[in-house]
Amino acid sequence: MNDQKIESFNARHVQKMVTDALGGEEALTVDDGGGLHDGSGARLGVIRRTPSGEWITERQNEAAECADAAIPRAQRESKAQSLLGKLKPGG
């Protein structure tokens, strides 16, 4: 999202980016507030914009059944990699 210079959150667009980053599998769904949910509906994390304007993801529910699922995060390497990665607990 940072590489694409996205100014405002659009859940449909972000959902496509997350799905693409996860190899086309809809393992996580994105809600209108930026929440990332597993197949059971548990909220695992959130995508949000910092006051400085950078998009970040944060893990929120480490007690959820699928809390170890990869949560795509914004990186600067490439568009395809901009959402890949796994947030480490406490990081």
C-alpha atoms as a PDB file:
ATOM      1  CA  MET A   1       0.000   0.000   0.000  1.00  0.00           C
ATOM      2  CA  ASN A   2       2.904   2.294   0.727  1.00  0.00           C
ATOM      3  CA  ASP A   3       4.541   1.455  -2.626  1.00  0.00           C
ATOM      4  CA  GLN A   4       1.295   2.151  -4.449  1.00  0.00           C
ATOM      5  CA  LYS A   5       0.893   5.478  -2.628  1.00  0.00           C
ATOM      6  CA  ILE A   6      -2.652   4.598  -1.553  1.00  0.00           C
ATOM      7  CA  GLU A   7      -4.156   7.609   0.186  1.00  0.00           C
ATOM      8  CA  SER A   8      -7.374   6.147   1.596  1.00  0.00           C
ATOM      9  CA  PHE A   9      -8.507   2.707   2.724  1.00  0.00           C
ATOM     10  CA  ASN A  10     -10.719   0.743   0.330  1.00  0.00           C
ATOM     11  CA  ALA A  11     -11.654  -2.690   1.732  1.00  0.00           C
ATOM     12  CA  ARG A  12     -12.306  -4.266  -1.701  1.00  0.00           C
ATOM     13  CA  HIS A  13      -8.956  -3.145  -3.064  1.00  0.00           C
ATOM     14  CA  VAL A  14      -7.085  -4.192   0.083  1.00  0.00           C
ATOM     15  CA  GLN A  15      -8.866  -7.580   0.075  1.00  0.00           C
ATOM     16  CA  LYS A  16      -7.596  -8.193  -3.456  1.00  0.00           C
ATOM     17  CA  MET A  17      -4.070  -7.245  -2.411  1.00  0.00           C
ATOM     18  CA  VAL A  18      -4.193  -9.543   0.641  1.00  0.00           C
ATOM     19  CA  THR A  19      -5.615 -12.442  -1.382  1.00  0.00           C
ATOM     20  CA  ASP A  20      -2.978 -11.972  -4.094  1.00  0.00           C
ATOM     21  CA  ALA A  21      -0.229 -11.819  -1.463  1.00  0.00           C
ATOM     22  CA  LEU A  22      -1.453 -15.124  -0.035  1.00  0.00           C
ATOM     23  CA  GLY A  23      -1.180 -16.900  -3.384  1.00  0.00           C
ATOM     24  CA  GLY A  24      -4.801 -16.362  -4.379  1.00  0.00           C
ATOM     25  CA  GLU A  25      -6.186 -18.014  -1.248  1.00  0.00           C
ATOM     26  CA  GLU A  26      -8.711 -16.031   0.786  1.00  0.00           C
ATOM     27  CA  ALA A  27      -7.227 -17.182   4.096  1.00  0.00           C
ATOM     28  CA  LEU A  28      -7.829 -13.740   5.581  1.00  0.00           C
ATOM     29  CA  THR A  29     -10.703 -11.362   4.997  1.00  0.00           C
ATOM     30  CA  VAL A  30     -10.563  -7.599   5.326  1.00  0.00           C
ATOM     31  CA  ASP A  31     -13.392  -5.615   6.906  1.00  0.00           C
ATOM     32  CA  ASP A  32     -14.301  -1.976   6.283  1.00  0.00           C
ATOM     33  CA  GLY A  33     -12.331  -0.889   9.365  1.00  0.00           C
ATOM     34  CA  GLY A  34      -9.101  -2.551   8.230  1.00  0.00           C
ATOM     35  CA  GLY A  35      -9.533  -5.646  10.389  1.00  0.00           C
ATOM     36  CA  LEU A  36      -7.987  -8.918   9.198  1.00  0.00           C
ATOM     37  CA  HIS A  37     -10.099 -11.983  10.040  1.00  0.00           C
ATOM     38  CA  ASP A  38      -9.500 -15.724   9.764  1.00  0.00           C
ATOM     39  CA  GLY A  39     -12.063 -18.212   8.422  1.00  0.00           C
ATOM     40  CA  SER A  40     -13.822 -18.423  11.799  1.00  0.00           C
ATOM     41  CA  GLY A  41     -14.302 -14.655  11.834  1.00  0.00           C
ATOM     42  CA  ALA A  42     -11.796 -14.022  14.617  1.00  0.00           C
ATOM     43  CA  ARG A  43      -9.987 -10.724  14.208  1.00  0.00           C
ATOM     44  CA  LEU A  44      -6.260 -11.435  13.992  1.00  0.00           C
ATOM     45  CA  GLY A  45      -4.918  -8.030  13.116  1.00  0.00           C
ATOM     46  CA  VAL A  46      -5.521  -4.666  11.550  1.00  0.00           C
ATOM     47  CA  ILE A  47      -4.208  -2.572   8.692  1.00  0.00           C
ATOM     48  CA  ARG A  48      -4.001   1.089   9.640  1.00  0.00           C
ATOM     49  CA  ARG A  49      -2.330   4.316   8.676  1.00  0.00           C
ATOM     50  CA  THR A  50       0.090   5.961  11.065  1.00  0.00           C
ATOM     51  CA  PRO A  51      -0.057   9.693  11.775  1.00  0.00           C
ATOM     52  CA  SER A  52       2.990  10.044   9.489  1.00  0.00           C
ATOM     53  CA  GLY A  53       0.987   8.479   6.632  1.00  0.00           C
ATOM     54  CA  GLU A  54       2.626   5.032   6.489  1.00  0.00           C
ATOM     55  CA  TRP A  55       0.412   1.931   6.201  1.00  0.00           C
ATOM     56  CA  ILE A  56       1.200  -0.773   8.771  1.00  0.00           C
ATOM     57  CA  THR A  57      -0.320  -4.009  10.059  1.00  0.00           C
ATOM     58  CA  GLU A  58      -0.546  -5.087  13.669  1.00  0.00           C
ATOM     59  CA  ARG A  59      -1.395  -8.442  15.192  1.00  0.00           C
ATOM     60  CA  GLN A  60      -4.225  -8.019  17.694  1.00  0.00           C
ATOM     61  CA  ASN A  61      -5.521 -11.368  18.886  1.00  0.00           C
ATOM     62  CA  GLU A  62      -2.824 -13.905  19.663  1.00  0.00           C
ATOM     63  CA  ALA A  63      -5.366 -16.072  21.502  1.00  0.00           C
ATOM     64  CA  ALA A  64      -7.453 -16.687  18.355  1.00  0.00           C
ATOM     65  CA  GLU A  65      -7.547 -20.220  16.977  1.00  0.00           C
ATOM     66  CA  CYS A  66      -5.514 -19.312  13.871  1.00  0.00           C
ATOM     67  CA  ALA A  67      -3.394 -16.597  15.462  1.00  0.00           C
ATOM     68  CA  ASP A  68      -0.253 -17.958  13.842  1.00  0.00           C
ATOM     69  CA  ALA A  69      -1.614 -17.287  10.343  1.00  0.00           C
ATOM     70  CA  ALA A  70       0.549 -15.070   8.200  1.00  0.00           C
ATOM     71  CA  ILE A  71      -0.660 -11.489   8.233  1.00  0.00           C
ATOM     72  CA  PRO A  72       0.527  -9.612   5.169  1.00  0.00           C
ATOM     73  CA  ARG A  73       2.423  -6.468   6.026  1.00  0.00           C
ATOM     74  CA  ALA A  74       3.560  -3.515   3.993  1.00  0.00           C
ATOM     75  CA  GLN A  75       7.182  -3.663   2.876  1.00  0.00           C
ATOM     76  CA  ARG A  76       9.123  -1.572   0.436  1.00  0.00           C
ATOM     77  CA  GLU A  77      10.676  -4.305  -1.772  1.00  0.00           C
ATOM     78  CA  SER A  78       8.026  -4.712  -4.510  1.00  0.00           C
ATOM     79  CA  LYS A  79       4.310  -4.562  -5.124  1.00  0.00           C
ATOM     80  CA  ALA A  80       4.025  -8.349  -5.000  1.00  0.00           C
ATOM     81  CA  GLN A  81       5.909  -8.465  -1.709  1.00  0.00           C
ATOM     82  CA  SER A  82       4.299  -5.376  -0.219  1.00  0.00           C
ATOM     83  CA  LEU A  83       1.867  -7.442   1.827  1.00  0.00           C
ATOM     84  CA  LEU A  84       3.868 -10.624   2.454  1.00  0.00           C
ATOM     85  CA  GLY A  85       5.384 -11.557   5.744  1.00  0.00           C
ATOM     86  CA  LYS A  86       4.448 -12.618   9.169  1.00  0.00           C
ATOM     87  CA  LEU A  87       4.124 -10.361  12.165  1.00  0.00           C
ATOM     88  CA  LYS A  88       6.038 -11.722  15.098  1.00  0.00           C
ATOM     89  CA  PRO A  89       4.310 -11.661  18.513  1.00  0.00           C
ATOM     90  CA  GLY A  90       5.339  -8.526  20.338  1.00  0.00           C
ATOM     91  CA  GLY A  91       6.861  -7.061  17.161  1.00  0.00           C
END
